[in-house]
């Protein structure tokens, strides 16, 4: 499973703007699972790069495991540049 910091980084790299569920997650840690998974599903339909696909699939798994949640205190401090290994997807 990816770390909170990896999940935040992936969402920050892929969000489509301030009104997106991925942006809300990247900035606050809040998860609206249905919206977030819908956005991720849309991105997965067009992504071609294997590392990008791994990142997005790992974020889907993270969101499914975490479920809906409110903003997370000190979320802004989390960041992890480590790539998602192939075994995580």
PDB file of N, CA and C in Angstrom:
ATOM      1  N   UNK A   1       0.854  -1.183   0.000  1.00  0.00           N
ATOM      2  CA  UNK A   1       0.000   0.000   0.000  1.00  0.00           C
ATOM      3  C   UNK A   1       0.895   1.239   0.000  1.00  0.00           C
ATOM      4  N   UNK A   2       0.468   2.252  -0.717  1.00  0.00           N
ATOM      5  CA  UNK A   2       1.247   3.483  -0.775  1.00  0.00           C
ATOM      6  C   UNK A   2       1.099   4.278   0.519  1.00  0.00           C
ATOM      7  N   UNK A   3       2.047   5.169   0.751  1.00  0.00           N
ATOM      8  CA  UNK A   3       2.004   6.018   1.940  1.00  0.00           C
ATOM      9  C   UNK A   3       1.039   7.185   1.715  1.00  0.00           C
ATOM     10  N   UNK A   4       0.685   7.845   2.812  1.00  0.00           N
ATOM     11  CA  UNK A   4      -0.137   9.051   2.695  1.00  0.00           C
ATOM     12  C   UNK A   4       0.560  10.089   1.821  1.00  0.00           C
ATOM     13  N   UNK A   5       1.871  10.225   1.998  1.00  0.00           N
ATOM     14  CA  UNK A   5       2.636  11.187   1.219  1.00  0.00           C
ATOM     15  C   UNK A   5       2.640  10.877  -0.275  1.00  0.00           C
ATOM     16  N   UNK A   6       2.743   9.598  -0.619  1.00  0.00           N
ATOM     17  CA  UNK A   6       2.667   9.209  -2.030  1.00  0.00           C
ATOM     18  C   UNK A   6       1.283   9.505  -2.591  1.00  0.00           C
ATOM     19  N   UNK A   7       0.259   9.177  -1.826  1.00  0.00           N
ATOM     20  CA  UNK A   7      -1.112   9.423  -2.270  1.00  0.00           C
ATOM     21  C   UNK A   7      -1.338  10.916  -2.512  1.00  0.00           C
ATOM     22  N   UNK A   8      -0.852  11.732  -1.597  1.00  0.00           N
ATOM     23  CA  UNK A   8      -0.996  13.183  -1.752  1.00  0.00           C
ATOM     24  C   UNK A   8      -0.259  13.667  -2.998  1.00  0.00           C
ATOM     25  N   UNK A   9       0.964  13.199  -3.200  1.00  0.00           N
ATOM     26  CA  UNK A   9       1.751  13.604  -4.365  1.00  0.00           C
ATOM     27  C   UNK A   9       1.052  13.228  -5.673  1.00  0.00           C
ATOM     28  N   UNK A  10       0.556  12.006  -5.753  1.00  0.00           N
ATOM     29  CA  UNK A  10      -0.112  11.547  -6.973  1.00  0.00           C
ATOM     30  C   UNK A  10      -1.335  12.416  -7.272  1.00  0.00           C
ATOM     31  N   UNK A  11      -2.146  12.661  -6.249  1.00  0.00           N
ATOM     32  CA  UNK A  11      -3.338  13.496  -6.445  1.00  0.00           C
ATOM     33  C   UNK A  11      -2.952  14.913  -6.867  1.00  0.00           C
ATOM     34  N   UNK A  12      -1.887  15.455  -6.284  1.00  0.00           N
ATOM     35  CA  UNK A  12      -1.447  16.802  -6.635  1.00  0.00           C
ATOM     36  C   UNK A  12      -0.977  16.864  -8.084  1.00  0.00           C
ATOM     37  N   UNK A  13      -0.341  15.799  -8.551  1.00  0.00           N
ATOM     38  CA  UNK A  13       0.153  15.768  -9.926  1.00  0.00           C
ATOM     39  C   UNK A  13      -0.960  15.585 -10.953  1.00  0.00           C
ATOM     40  N   UNK A  14      -2.060  14.951 -10.561  1.00  0.00           N
ATOM     41  CA  UNK A  14      -3.097  14.576 -11.527  1.00  0.00           C
ATOM     42  C   UNK A  14      -4.400  15.358 -11.418  1.00  0.00           C
ATOM     43  N   UNK A  15      -4.588  16.181 -10.397  1.00  0.00           N
ATOM     44  CA  UNK A  15      -5.897  16.833 -10.265  1.00  0.00           C
ATOM     45  C   UNK A  15      -6.169  17.777 -11.423  1.00  0.00           C
ATOM     46  N   UNK A  16      -7.445  18.005 -11.683  1.00  0.00           N
ATOM     47  CA  UNK A  16      -7.851  18.802 -12.847  1.00  0.00           C
ATOM     48  C   UNK A  16      -8.325  20.203 -12.473  1.00  0.00           C
ATOM     49  N   UNK A  17      -8.048  20.633 -11.275  1.00  0.00           N
ATOM     50  CA  UNK A  17      -8.437  21.981 -10.869  1.00  0.00           C
ATOM     51  C   UNK A  17      -8.989  22.022  -9.464  1.00  0.00           C
ATOM     52  N   UNK A  18      -9.215  23.228  -8.985  1.00  0.00           N
ATOM     53  CA  UNK A  18      -9.598  23.444  -7.595  1.00  0.00           C
ATOM     54  C   UNK A  18     -10.918  22.805  -7.182  1.00  0.00           C
ATOM     55  N   UNK A  19     -11.788  22.548  -8.113  1.00  0.00           N
ATOM     56  CA  UNK A  19     -13.091  21.960  -7.764  1.00  0.00           C
ATOM     57  C   UNK A  19     -13.088  20.444  -7.828  1.00  0.00           C
ATOM     58  N   UNK A  20     -11.946  19.865  -8.139  1.00  0.00           N
ATOM     59  CA  UNK A  20     -11.883  18.412  -8.284  1.00  0.00           C
ATOM     60  C   UNK A  20     -11.699  17.722  -6.924  1.00  0.00           C
ATOM     61  N   UNK A  21     -12.151  16.481  -6.861  1.00  0.00           N
ATOM     62  CA  UNK A  21     -11.983  15.682  -5.648  1.00  0.00           C
ATOM     63  C   UNK A  21     -10.505  15.389  -5.398  1.00  0.00           C
ATOM     64  N   UNK A  22      -9.731  15.245  -6.479  1.00  0.00           N
ATOM     65  CA  UNK A  22      -8.294  15.000  -6.303  1.00  0.00           C
ATOM     66  C   UNK A  22      -7.597  16.212  -5.713  1.00  0.00           C
ATOM     67  N   UNK A  23      -8.007  17.408  -6.096  1.00  0.00           N
ATOM     68  CA  UNK A  23      -7.419  18.618  -5.525  1.00  0.00           C
ATOM     69  C   UNK A  23      -7.776  18.735  -4.043  1.00  0.00           C
ATOM     70  N   UNK A  24      -9.034  18.470  -3.708  1.00  0.00           N
ATOM     71  CA  UNK A  24      -9.449  18.509  -2.300  1.00  0.00           C
ATOM     72  C   UNK A  24      -8.646  17.516  -1.479  1.00  0.00           C
ATOM     73  N   UNK A  25      -8.434  16.332  -2.040  1.00  0.00           N
ATOM     74  CA  UNK A  25      -7.638  15.320  -1.347  1.00  0.00           C
ATOM     75  C   UNK A  25      -6.185  15.772  -1.212  1.00  0.00           C
ATOM     76  N   UNK A  26      -5.608  16.288  -2.294  1.00  0.00           N
ATOM     77  CA  UNK A  26      -4.203  16.702  -2.265  1.00  0.00           C
ATOM     78  C   UNK A  26      -3.957  17.822  -1.262  1.00  0.00           C
ATOM     79  N   UNK A  27      -4.909  18.727  -1.124  1.00  0.00           N
ATOM     80  CA  UNK A  27      -4.698  19.878  -0.245  1.00  0.00           C
ATOM     81  C   UNK A  27      -5.101  19.634   1.202  1.00  0.00           C
ATOM     82  N   UNK A  28      -6.072  18.730   1.430  1.00  0.00           N
ATOM     83  CA  UNK A  28      -6.580  18.576   2.802  1.00  0.00           C
ATOM     84  C   UNK A  28      -6.608  17.146   3.316  1.00  0.00           C
ATOM     85  N   UNK A  29      -6.488  16.170   2.426  1.00  0.00           N
ATOM     86  CA  UNK A  29      -6.605  14.771   2.839  1.00  0.00           C
ATOM     87  C   UNK A  29      -8.032  14.273   2.864  1.00  0.00           C
ATOM     88  N   UNK A  30      -9.000  15.183   2.601  1.00  0.00           N
ATOM     89  CA  UNK A  30     -10.411  14.783   2.594  1.00  0.00           C
ATOM     90  C   UNK A  30     -10.681  13.880   1.395  1.00  0.00           C
ATOM     91  N   UNK A  31     -11.475  12.844   1.630  1.00  0.00           N
ATOM     92  CA  UNK A  31     -11.809  11.909   0.550  1.00  0.00           C
ATOM     93  C   UNK A  31     -13.319  11.830   0.389  1.00  0.00           C
ATOM     94  N   UNK A  32     -13.762  12.125  -0.840  1.00  0.00           N
ATOM     95  CA  UNK A  32     -15.118  11.809  -1.279  1.00  0.00           C
ATOM     96  C   UNK A  32     -14.916  10.660  -2.256  1.00  0.00           C
ATOM     97  N   UNK A  33     -15.000   9.454  -1.736  1.00  0.00           N
ATOM     98  CA  UNK A  33     -14.563   8.281  -2.489  1.00  0.00           C
ATOM     99  C   UNK A  33     -15.204   8.157  -3.866  1.00  0.00           C
ATOM    100  N   UNK A  34     -16.503   8.330  -3.970  1.00  0.00           N
ATOM    101  CA  UNK A  34     -17.167   8.178  -5.269  1.00  0.00           C
ATOM    102  C   UNK A  34     -16.647   9.182  -6.299  1.00  0.00           C
ATOM    103  N   UNK A  35     -16.524  10.453  -5.890  1.00  0.00           N
ATOM    104  CA  UNK A  35     -16.005  11.484  -6.809  1.00  0.00           C
ATOM    105  C   UNK A  35     -14.549  11.227  -7.156  1.00  0.00           C
ATOM    106  N   UNK A  36     -13.740  10.909  -6.140  1.00  0.00           N
ATOM    107  CA  UNK A  36     -12.318  10.667  -6.364  1.00  0.00           C
ATOM    108  C   UNK A  36     -12.106   9.477  -7.296  1.00  0.00           C
ATOM    109  N   UNK A  37     -12.815   8.399  -7.050  1.00  0.00           N
ATOM    110  CA  UNK A  37     -12.667   7.210  -7.901  1.00  0.00           C
ATOM    111  C   UNK A  37     -13.171   7.468  -9.316  1.00  0.00           C
ATOM    112  N   UNK A  38     -14.205   8.293  -9.468  1.00  0.00           N
ATOM    113  CA  UNK A  38     -14.689   8.659 -10.793  1.00  0.00           C
ATOM    114  C   UNK A  38     -13.642   9.438 -11.575  1.00  0.00           C
ATOM    115  N   UNK A  39     -12.994  10.382 -10.913  1.00  0.00           N
ATOM    116  CA  UNK A  39     -11.938  11.152 -11.569  1.00  0.00           C
ATOM    117  C   UNK A  39     -10.761  10.248 -11.941  1.00  0.00           C
ATOM    118  N   UNK A  40     -10.397   9.360 -11.039  1.00  0.00           N
ATOM    119  CA  UNK A  40      -9.289   8.444 -11.311  1.00  0.00           C
ATOM    120  C   UNK A  40      -9.622   7.512 -12.470  1.00  0.00           C
ATOM    121  N   UNK A  41     -10.850   7.050 -12.522  1.00  0.00           N
ATOM    122  CA  UNK A  41     -11.291   6.179 -13.610  1.00  0.00           C
ATOM    123  C   UNK A  41     -11.174   6.892 -14.955  1.00  0.00           C
ATOM    124  N   UNK A  42     -11.563   8.149 -14.999  1.00  0.00           N
ATOM    125  CA  UNK A  42     -11.450   8.930 -16.228  1.00  0.00           C
ATOM    126  C   UNK A  42      -9.994   9.066 -16.664  1.00  0.00           C
ATOM    127  N   UNK A  43      -9.117   9.339 -15.721  1.00  0.00           N
ATOM    128  CA  UNK A  43      -7.694   9.478 -16.045  1.00  0.00           C
ATOM    129  C   UNK A  43      -7.109   8.149 -16.529  1.00  0.00           C
ATOM    130  N   UNK A  44      -7.520   7.057 -15.916  1.00  0.00           N
ATOM    131  CA  UNK A  44      -6.988   5.745 -16.294  1.00  0.00           C
ATOM    132  C   UNK A  44      -7.356   5.364 -17.724  1.00  0.00           C
ATOM    133  N   UNK A  45      -8.456   5.899 -18.243  1.00  0.00           N
ATOM    134  CA  UNK A  45      -8.870   5.581 -19.608  1.00  0.00           C
ATOM    135  C   UNK A  45      -7.943   6.164 -20.652  1.00  0.00           C
ATOM    136  N   UNK A  46      -7.198   7.198 -20.289  1.00  0.00           N
ATOM    137  CA  UNK A  46      -6.359   7.877 -21.275  1.00  0.00           C
ATOM    138  C   UNK A  46      -4.860   7.735 -21.023  1.00  0.00           C
ATOM    139  N   UNK A  47      -4.473   7.271 -19.858  1.00  0.00           N
ATOM    140  CA  UNK A  47      -3.049   7.218 -19.520  1.00  0.00           C
ATOM    141  C   UNK A  47      -2.348   6.095 -20.287  1.00  0.00           C
ATOM    142  N   UNK A  48      -1.155   6.385 -20.788  1.00  0.00           N
ATOM    143  CA  UNK A  48      -0.412   5.376 -21.538  1.00  0.00           C
ATOM    144  C   UNK A  48       0.856   4.926 -20.835  1.00  0.00           C
ATOM    145  N   UNK A  49       1.464   5.810 -20.056  1.00  0.00           N
ATOM    146  CA  UNK A  49       2.710   5.510 -19.366  1.00  0.00           C
ATOM    147  C   UNK A  49       2.478   4.513 -18.231  1.00  0.00           C
ATOM    148  N   UNK A  50       3.318   3.493 -18.169  1.00  0.00           N
ATOM    149  CA  UNK A  50       3.124   2.422 -17.171  1.00  0.00           C
ATOM    150  C   UNK A  50       3.289   2.927 -15.744  1.00  0.00           C
ATOM    151  N   UNK A  51       4.256   3.818 -15.483  1.00  0.00           N
ATOM    152  CA  UNK A  51       4.427   4.350 -14.125  1.00  0.00           C
ATOM    153  C   UNK A  51       3.226   5.202 -13.737  1.00  0.00           C
ATOM    154  N   UNK A  52       2.714   5.993 -14.656  1.00  0.00           N
ATOM    155  CA  UNK A  52       1.518   6.796 -14.375  1.00  0.00           C
ATOM    156  C   UNK A  52       0.336   5.880 -14.057  1.00  0.00           C
ATOM    157  N   UNK A  53       0.194   4.806 -14.809  1.00  0.00           N
ATOM    158  CA  UNK A  53      -0.892   3.848 -14.556  1.00  0.00           C
ATOM    159  C   UNK A  53      -0.743   3.237 -13.162  1.00  0.00           C
ATOM    160  N   UNK A  54       0.476   2.859 -12.787  1.00  0.00           N
ATOM    161  CA  UNK A  54       0.718   2.301 -11.446  1.00  0.00           C
ATOM    162  C   UNK A  54       0.338   3.306 -10.372  1.00  0.00           C
ATOM    163  N   UNK A  55       0.745   4.571 -10.579  1.00  0.00           N
ATOM    164  CA  UNK A  55       0.419   5.616  -9.605  1.00  0.00           C
ATOM    165  C   UNK A  55      -1.087   5.742  -9.419  1.00  0.00           C
ATOM    166  N   UNK A  56      -1.808   5.843 -10.533  1.00  0.00           N
ATOM    167  CA  UNK A  56      -3.256   6.026 -10.448  1.00  0.00           C
ATOM    168  C   UNK A  56      -3.953   4.814  -9.841  1.00  0.00           C
ATOM    169  N   UNK A  57      -3.532   3.616 -10.217  1.00  0.00           N
ATOM    170  CA  UNK A  57      -4.132   2.404  -9.639  1.00  0.00           C
ATOM    171  C   UNK A  57      -3.853   2.310  -8.145  1.00  0.00           C
ATOM    172  N   UNK A  58      -2.660   2.718  -7.741  1.00  0.00           N
ATOM    173  CA  UNK A  58      -2.328   2.711  -6.313  1.00  0.00           C
ATOM    174  C   UNK A  58      -3.198   3.710  -5.554  1.00  0.00           C
ATOM    175  N   UNK A  59      -3.479   4.860  -6.171  1.00  0.00           N
ATOM    176  CA  UNK A  59      -4.348   5.850  -5.525  1.00  0.00           C
ATOM    177  C   UNK A  59      -5.786   5.347  -5.449  1.00  0.00           C
ATOM    178  N   UNK A  60      -6.251   4.613  -6.449  1.00  0.00           N
ATOM    179  CA  UNK A  60      -7.580   3.993  -6.387  1.00  0.00           C
ATOM    180  C   UNK A  60      -7.639   3.035  -5.195  1.00  0.00           C
ATOM    181  N   UNK A  61      -6.640   2.184  -5.053  1.00  0.00           N
ATOM    182  CA  UNK A  61      -6.611   1.228  -3.939  1.00  0.00           C
ATOM    183  C   UNK A  61      -6.575   1.960  -2.598  1.00  0.00           C
ATOM    184  N   UNK A  62      -5.813   3.027  -2.509  1.00  0.00           N
ATOM    185  CA  UNK A  62      -5.717   3.829  -1.294  1.00  0.00           C
ATOM    186  C   UNK A  62      -7.091   4.412  -0.935  1.00  0.00           C
ATOM    187  N   UNK A  63      -7.761   4.992  -1.938  1.00  0.00           N
ATOM    188  CA  UNK A  63      -9.078   5.603  -1.699  1.00  0.00           C
ATOM    189  C   UNK A  63     -10.105   4.562  -1.275  1.00  0.00           C
ATOM    190  N   UNK A  64     -10.072   3.387  -1.894  1.00  0.00           N
ATOM    191  CA  UNK A  64     -11.014   2.326  -1.534  1.00  0.00           C
ATOM    192  C   UNK A  64     -10.771   1.853  -0.104  1.00  0.00           C
ATOM    193  N   UNK A  65      -9.513   1.745   0.267  1.00  0.00           N
ATOM    194  CA  UNK A  65      -9.182   1.311   1.621  1.00  0.00           C
ATOM    195  C   UNK A  65      -9.562   2.364   2.652  1.00  0.00           C
ATOM    196  N   UNK A  66      -9.336   3.622   2.319  1.00  0.00           N
ATOM    197  CA  UNK A  66      -9.578   4.705   3.276  1.00  0.00           C
ATOM    198  C   UNK A  66     -11.045   5.071   3.395  1.00  0.00           C
ATOM    199  N   UNK A  67     -11.786   5.009   2.301  1.00  0.00           N
ATOM    200  CA  UNK A  67     -13.193   5.405   2.318  1.00  0.00           C
ATOM    201  C   UNK A  67     -13.334   6.910   2.479  1.00  0.00           C
ATOM    202  N   UNK A  68     -14.579   7.354   2.624  1.00  0.00           N
ATOM    203  CA  UNK A  68     -14.844   8.784   2.821  1.00  0.00           C
ATOM    204  C   UNK A  68     -14.226   9.229   4.141  1.00  0.00           C
ATOM    205  N   UNK A  69     -13.647  10.437   4.114  1.00  0.00           N
ATOM    206  CA  UNK A  69     -13.113  10.986   5.364  1.00  0.00           C
ATOM    207  C   UNK A  69     -13.024  12.503   5.275  1.00  0.00           C
ATOM    208  N   UNK A  70     -12.996  13.119   6.436  1.00  0.00           N
ATOM    209  CA  UNK A  70     -12.879  14.569   6.565  1.00  0.00           C
ATOM    210  C   UNK A  70     -11.424  14.991   6.389  1.00  0.00           C
ATOM    211  N   UNK A  71     -11.170  16.302   6.304  1.00  0.00           N
ATOM    212  CA  UNK A  71      -9.781  16.772   6.199  1.00  0.00           C
ATOM    213  C   UNK A  71      -8.910  16.220   7.336  1.00  0.00           C
ATOM    214  N   UNK A  72      -7.646  16.010   7.014  1.00  0.00           N
ATOM    215  CA  UNK A  72      -6.683  15.425   7.951  1.00  0.00           C
ATOM    216  C   UNK A  72      -5.761  16.522   8.467  1.00  0.00           C
ATOM    217  N   UNK A  73      -5.635  16.599   9.758  1.00  0.00           N
ATOM    218  CA  UNK A  73      -4.769  17.597  10.388  1.00  0.00           C
ATOM    219  C   UNK A  73      -3.311  17.395   9.945  1.00  0.00           C
ATOM    220  N   UNK A  74      -2.635  18.459   9.630  1.00  0.00           N
ATOM    221  CA  UNK A  74      -1.225  18.477   9.218  1.00  0.00           C
ATOM    222  C   UNK A  74      -0.973  17.744   7.897  1.00  0.00           C
ATOM    223  N   UNK A  75      -2.013  17.557   7.107  1.00  0.00           N
ATOM    224  CA  UNK A  75      -1.885  16.869   5.821  1.00  0.00           C
ATOM    225  C   UNK A  75      -0.868  17.563   4.914  1.00  0.00           C
ATOM    226  N   UNK A  76      -0.814  18.879   4.993  1.00  0.00           N
ATOM    227  CA  UNK A  76       0.072  19.660   4.130  1.00  0.00           C
ATOM    228  C   UNK A  76       1.545  19.323   4.332  1.00  0.00           C
ATOM    229  N   UNK A  77       1.878  18.670   5.405  1.00  0.00           N
ATOM    230  CA  UNK A  77       3.275  18.314   5.691  1.00  0.00           C
ATOM    231  C   UNK A  77       3.706  17.005   5.038  1.00  0.00           C
ATOM    232  N   UNK A  78       2.754  16.256   4.518  1.00  0.00           N
ATOM    233  CA  UNK A  78       3.063  14.938   3.955  1.00  0.00           C
ATOM    234  C   UNK A  78       3.422  15.045   2.482  1.00  0.00           C
ATOM    235  N   UNK A  79       4.513  14.410   2.098  1.00  0.00           N
ATOM    236  CA  UNK A  79       4.931  14.343   0.690  1.00  0.00           C
ATOM    237  C   UNK A  79       5.930  13.207   0.570  1.00  0.00           C
ATOM    238  N   UNK A  80       5.796  12.390  -0.436  1.00  0.00           N
ATOM    239  CA  UNK A  80       6.693  11.263  -0.646  1.00  0.00           C
ATOM    240  C   UNK A  80       6.925  11.109  -2.143  1.00  0.00           C
ATOM    241  N   UNK A  81       8.150  11.375  -2.576  1.00  0.00           N
ATOM    242  CA  UNK A  81       8.497  11.289  -3.994  1.00  0.00           C
ATOM    243  C   UNK A  81       8.857   9.879  -4.449  1.00  0.00           C
ATOM    244  N   UNK A  82       8.828   8.920  -3.545  1.00  0.00           N
ATOM    245  CA  UNK A  82       9.198   7.552  -3.916  1.00  0.00           C
ATOM    246  C   UNK A  82       8.227   7.015  -4.974  1.00  0.00           C
ATOM    247  N   UNK A  83       8.766   6.404  -6.037  1.00  0.00           N
ATOM    248  CA  UNK A  83       7.873   5.840  -7.065  1.00  0.00           C
ATOM    249  C   UNK A  83       7.078   4.652  -6.514  1.00  0.00           C
ATOM    250  N   UNK A  84       5.911   4.451  -7.088  1.00  0.00           N
ATOM    251  CA  UNK A  84       5.081   3.303  -6.712  1.00  0.00           C
ATOM    252  C   UNK A  84       5.674   2.064  -7.391  1.00  0.00           C
ATOM    253  N   UNK A  85       6.091   1.068  -6.594  1.00  0.00           N
ATOM    254  CA  UNK A  85       6.652  -0.145  -7.214  1.00  0.00           C
ATOM    255  C   UNK A  85       5.576  -0.961  -7.919  1.00  0.00           C
ATOM    256  N   UNK A  86       5.999  -1.766  -8.883  1.00  0.00           N
ATOM    257  CA  UNK A  86       5.067  -2.575  -9.662  1.00  0.00           C
ATOM    258  C   UNK A  86       4.219  -3.497  -8.782  1.00  0.00           C
ATOM    259  N   UNK A  87       4.733  -3.955  -7.695  1.00  0.00           N
ATOM    260  CA  UNK A  87       3.982  -4.893  -6.848  1.00  0.00           C
ATOM    261  C   UNK A  87       2.812  -4.241  -6.114  1.00  0.00           C
ATOM    262  N   UNK A  88       2.733  -2.923  -6.105  1.00  0.00           N
ATOM    263  CA  UNK A  88       1.664  -2.206  -5.407  1.00  0.00           C
ATOM    264  C   UNK A  88       0.372  -2.156  -6.205  1.00  0.00           C
ATOM    265  N   UNK A  89       0.391  -2.541  -7.480  1.00  0.00           N
ATOM    266  CA  UNK A  89      -0.812  -2.408  -8.299  1.00  0.00           C
ATOM    267  C   UNK A  89      -1.395  -3.757  -8.651  1.00  0.00           C
TER     268      UNK A  89
END
